[in-house]
Amino acid sequence: MSHLDNGFRSLTLQRFPATDDVNPLQAWEAADEYLLQQLDDTEIRGPVLILNDAFGALSCALAEHKPYSIGDSYISELATRENLRLNGIDESSVKFLDSTADYPQQPGVVLIKVPKTLALLEQQLRALRKVVTPDTRIIAGTKARDIHTSTLE
């Protein structure tokens, strides 16, 4: 288990499935911290969309805003549910959508963990184009090593 302290809440997070390793890998990364640091709690108006939240760090931190967690990984959904339980957060506070579902209209905030797969990123950006407004705040982040030339083009 690892601990993530951010401006929203202090979290205990674990990867899924859990292991008994003495030095387990942490269930969040610098991109999660960056995305949370970019938000000011008072700025969050309208639906919050979180794309590609690997272990639920973003969903758990923003649970009081009833976010939508959107992704293509069932394992990520299971990890998020487990981390919600681990932190005493009601699972129903996060709404899970698969990546092909229609996105909620007029989101106030969209947090994107840029996926490794360019096709998934393109599909998600096309879906977002249908629902965002000029007032929607979109923040994206990822590990530098996961950004490929094709993603930047």
Protein backbone atom coordinates (compact mmCIF):
# COMPACT_ATOMS: atom_id res chain seq x y z
CA MET A 1 0.00 0.00 0.00
CA SER A 2 1.08 3.55 -0.64
CA HIS A 3 -0.10 6.91 0.63
CA LEU A 4 -1.06 9.89 -1.51
CA ASP A 5 -1.64 13.25 0.15
CA ASN A 6 -3.25 15.87 -2.05
CA GLY A 7 -5.37 18.98 -1.69
CA PHE A 8 -8.59 16.95 -1.66
CA ARG A 9 -7.96 14.09 0.79
CA SER A 10 -5.27 11.80 2.14
CA LEU A 11 -5.50 8.37 0.54
CA THR A 12 -4.17 4.88 1.09
CA LEU A 13 -3.95 3.16 -2.27
CA GLN A 14 -2.93 -0.26 -3.50
CA ARG A 15 -2.45 -1.87 -6.85
CA PHE A 16 -4.85 -4.54 -8.01
CA PRO A 17 -4.66 -7.36 -7.47
CA ALA A 18 -2.99 -6.78 -4.12
CA THR A 19 0.32 -8.50 -3.48
CA ASP A 20 2.19 -9.38 -0.32
CA ASP A 21 5.43 -7.83 -1.55
CA VAL A 22 7.60 -6.20 1.07
CA ASN A 23 8.18 -3.24 -1.27
CA PRO A 24 5.05 -3.06 -3.43
CA LEU A 25 4.81 -0.67 -6.34
CA GLN A 26 2.79 2.42 -5.55
CA ALA A 27 -0.71 2.73 -6.97
CA TRP A 28 -0.33 6.30 -8.20
CA GLU A 29 2.20 8.25 -10.20
CA ALA A 30 3.47 11.79 -10.60
CA ALA A 31 0.88 12.44 -13.33
CA ASP A 32 -1.91 11.81 -10.79
CA GLU A 33 -0.33 14.34 -8.42
CA TYR A 34 0.10 16.85 -11.25
CA LEU A 35 -3.52 16.57 -12.36
CA LEU A 36 -4.78 17.05 -8.80
CA GLN A 37 -2.45 20.01 -8.20
CA GLN A 38 -3.89 21.76 -11.25
CA LEU A 39 -7.37 21.75 -9.75
CA ASP A 40 -8.74 24.19 -7.25
CA ASP A 41 -11.66 22.67 -5.35
CA THR A 42 -13.72 25.84 -5.85
CA GLU A 43 -13.30 25.63 -9.64
CA ILE A 44 -15.11 22.32 -10.02
CA ARG A 45 -18.53 22.99 -11.51
CA GLY A 46 -20.47 20.50 -13.57
CA PRO A 47 -19.66 16.85 -14.18
CA VAL A 48 -16.09 15.66 -13.60
CA LEU A 49 -14.78 13.19 -16.18
CA ILE A 50 -11.68 11.14 -15.41
CA LEU A 51 -10.19 9.20 -18.31
CA ASN A 52 -7.84 6.23 -17.83
CA ASP A 53 -7.46 6.30 -14.04
CA ALA A 54 -5.28 3.18 -13.63
CA PHE A 55 -5.74 2.46 -9.92
CA GLY A 56 -8.34 5.01 -8.89
CA ALA A 57 -6.13 7.69 -7.34
CA LEU A 58 -7.98 10.47 -9.17
CA SER A 59 -11.43 8.96 -8.65
CA CYS A 60 -10.82 8.48 -4.93
CA ALA A 61 -9.43 12.00 -4.48
CA LEU A 62 -12.40 13.57 -6.28
CA ALA A 63 -15.13 11.20 -5.04
CA GLU A 64 -17.08 13.99 -3.31
CA HIS A 65 -17.66 15.50 -6.78
CA LYS A 66 -19.31 12.28 -8.03
CA PRO A 67 -16.91 11.83 -10.98
CA TYR A 68 -17.33 9.64 -14.03
CA SER A 69 -14.42 7.23 -14.45
CA ILE A 70 -14.06 6.36 -18.12
CA GLY A 71 -11.65 3.79 -19.48
CA ASP A 72 -11.13 0.56 -21.34
CA SER A 73 -9.72 -1.53 -18.49
CA TYR A 74 -11.92 -3.66 -16.26
CA ILE A 75 -8.91 -4.26 -14.00
CA SER A 76 -8.66 -0.48 -13.49
CA GLU A 77 -12.32 -0.39 -12.52
CA LEU A 78 -11.77 -3.21 -10.01
CA ALA A 79 -8.71 -1.41 -8.62
CA THR A 80 -10.68 1.82 -8.25
CA ARG A 81 -13.53 0.04 -6.48
CA GLU A 82 -11.07 -1.64 -4.10
CA ASN A 83 -9.33 1.66 -3.33
CA LEU A 84 -12.67 3.36 -2.71
CA ARG A 85 -13.50 0.63 -0.17
CA LEU A 86 -10.03 0.82 1.35
CA ASN A 87 -10.54 4.54 2.00
CA GLY A 88 -14.11 4.22 3.30
CA ILE A 89 -15.59 5.96 0.26
CA ASP A 90 -18.99 4.85 -1.01
CA GLU A 91 -18.48 3.03 -4.33
CA SER A 92 -21.57 4.68 -5.76
CA SER A 93 -19.82 8.06 -5.58
CA VAL A 94 -17.94 7.15 -8.78
CA LYS A 95 -19.86 6.30 -11.94
CA PHE A 96 -17.99 3.90 -14.21
CA LEU A 97 -18.35 4.11 -17.99
CA ASP A 98 -16.54 2.07 -20.60
CA SER A 99 -14.65 3.97 -23.25
CA THR A 100 -17.36 3.45 -25.89
CA ALA A 101 -20.22 4.86 -23.77
CA ASP A 102 -21.67 8.31 -24.38
CA TYR A 103 -19.97 10.88 -22.18
CA PRO A 104 -22.00 13.17 -19.89
CA GLN A 105 -22.86 16.53 -21.45
CA GLN A 106 -21.15 19.80 -20.54
CA PRO A 107 -18.46 18.55 -18.16
CA GLY A 108 -16.91 21.15 -15.90
CA VAL A 109 -13.58 19.35 -15.65
CA VAL A 110 -11.94 16.61 -17.71
CA LEU A 111 -8.81 14.91 -16.38
CA ILE A 112 -7.03 12.75 -18.93
CA LYS A 113 -4.29 10.29 -18.12
CA VAL A 114 -2.94 10.04 -21.66
CA PRO A 115 -3.10 6.36 -22.69
CA LYS A 116 -0.22 4.54 -24.34
CA THR A 117 -2.46 3.61 -27.25
CA LEU A 118 -2.90 6.39 -29.80
CA ALA A 119 -6.16 4.87 -31.10
CA LEU A 120 -7.73 5.05 -27.62
CA LEU A 121 -6.64 8.67 -27.19
CA GLU A 122 -8.11 9.58 -30.59
CA GLN A 123 -11.41 7.85 -29.76
CA GLN A 124 -11.62 9.62 -26.40
CA LEU A 125 -10.86 13.02 -27.92
CA ARG A 126 -13.57 12.49 -30.55
CA ALA A 127 -16.06 11.61 -27.80
CA LEU A 128 -15.04 14.66 -25.76
CA ARG A 129 -15.46 16.97 -28.75
CA LYS A 130 -19.20 16.15 -28.70
CA VAL A 131 -19.73 17.16 -25.05
CA VAL A 132 -17.24 19.82 -23.97
CA THR A 133 -18.05 23.53 -23.89
CA PRO A 134 -15.77 26.58 -24.00
CA ASP A 135 -15.96 26.59 -20.19
CA THR A 136 -14.81 22.98 -19.76
CA ARG A 137 -11.40 22.76 -18.15
CA ILE A 138 -9.35 19.95 -19.71
CA ILE A 139 -6.11 18.84 -18.06
CA ALA A 140 -3.96 15.99 -19.36
CA GLY A 141 -0.90 14.29 -17.96
CA THR A 142 1.20 11.17 -18.26
CA LYS A 143 4.66 9.82 -17.69
CA ALA A 144 7.21 11.41 -20.02
CA ARG A 145 8.39 7.97 -21.12
CA ASP A 146 4.87 7.12 -22.31
CA ILE A 147 4.69 10.01 -24.78
CA HIS A 148 5.57 8.80 -28.24
CA THR A 149 6.20 10.91 -31.33
CA SER A 150 2.92 9.70 -32.83
CA THR A 151 1.02 11.01 -29.80
CA LEU A 152 2.47 14.49 -30.25
CA GLU A 153 1.65 14.68 -33.97
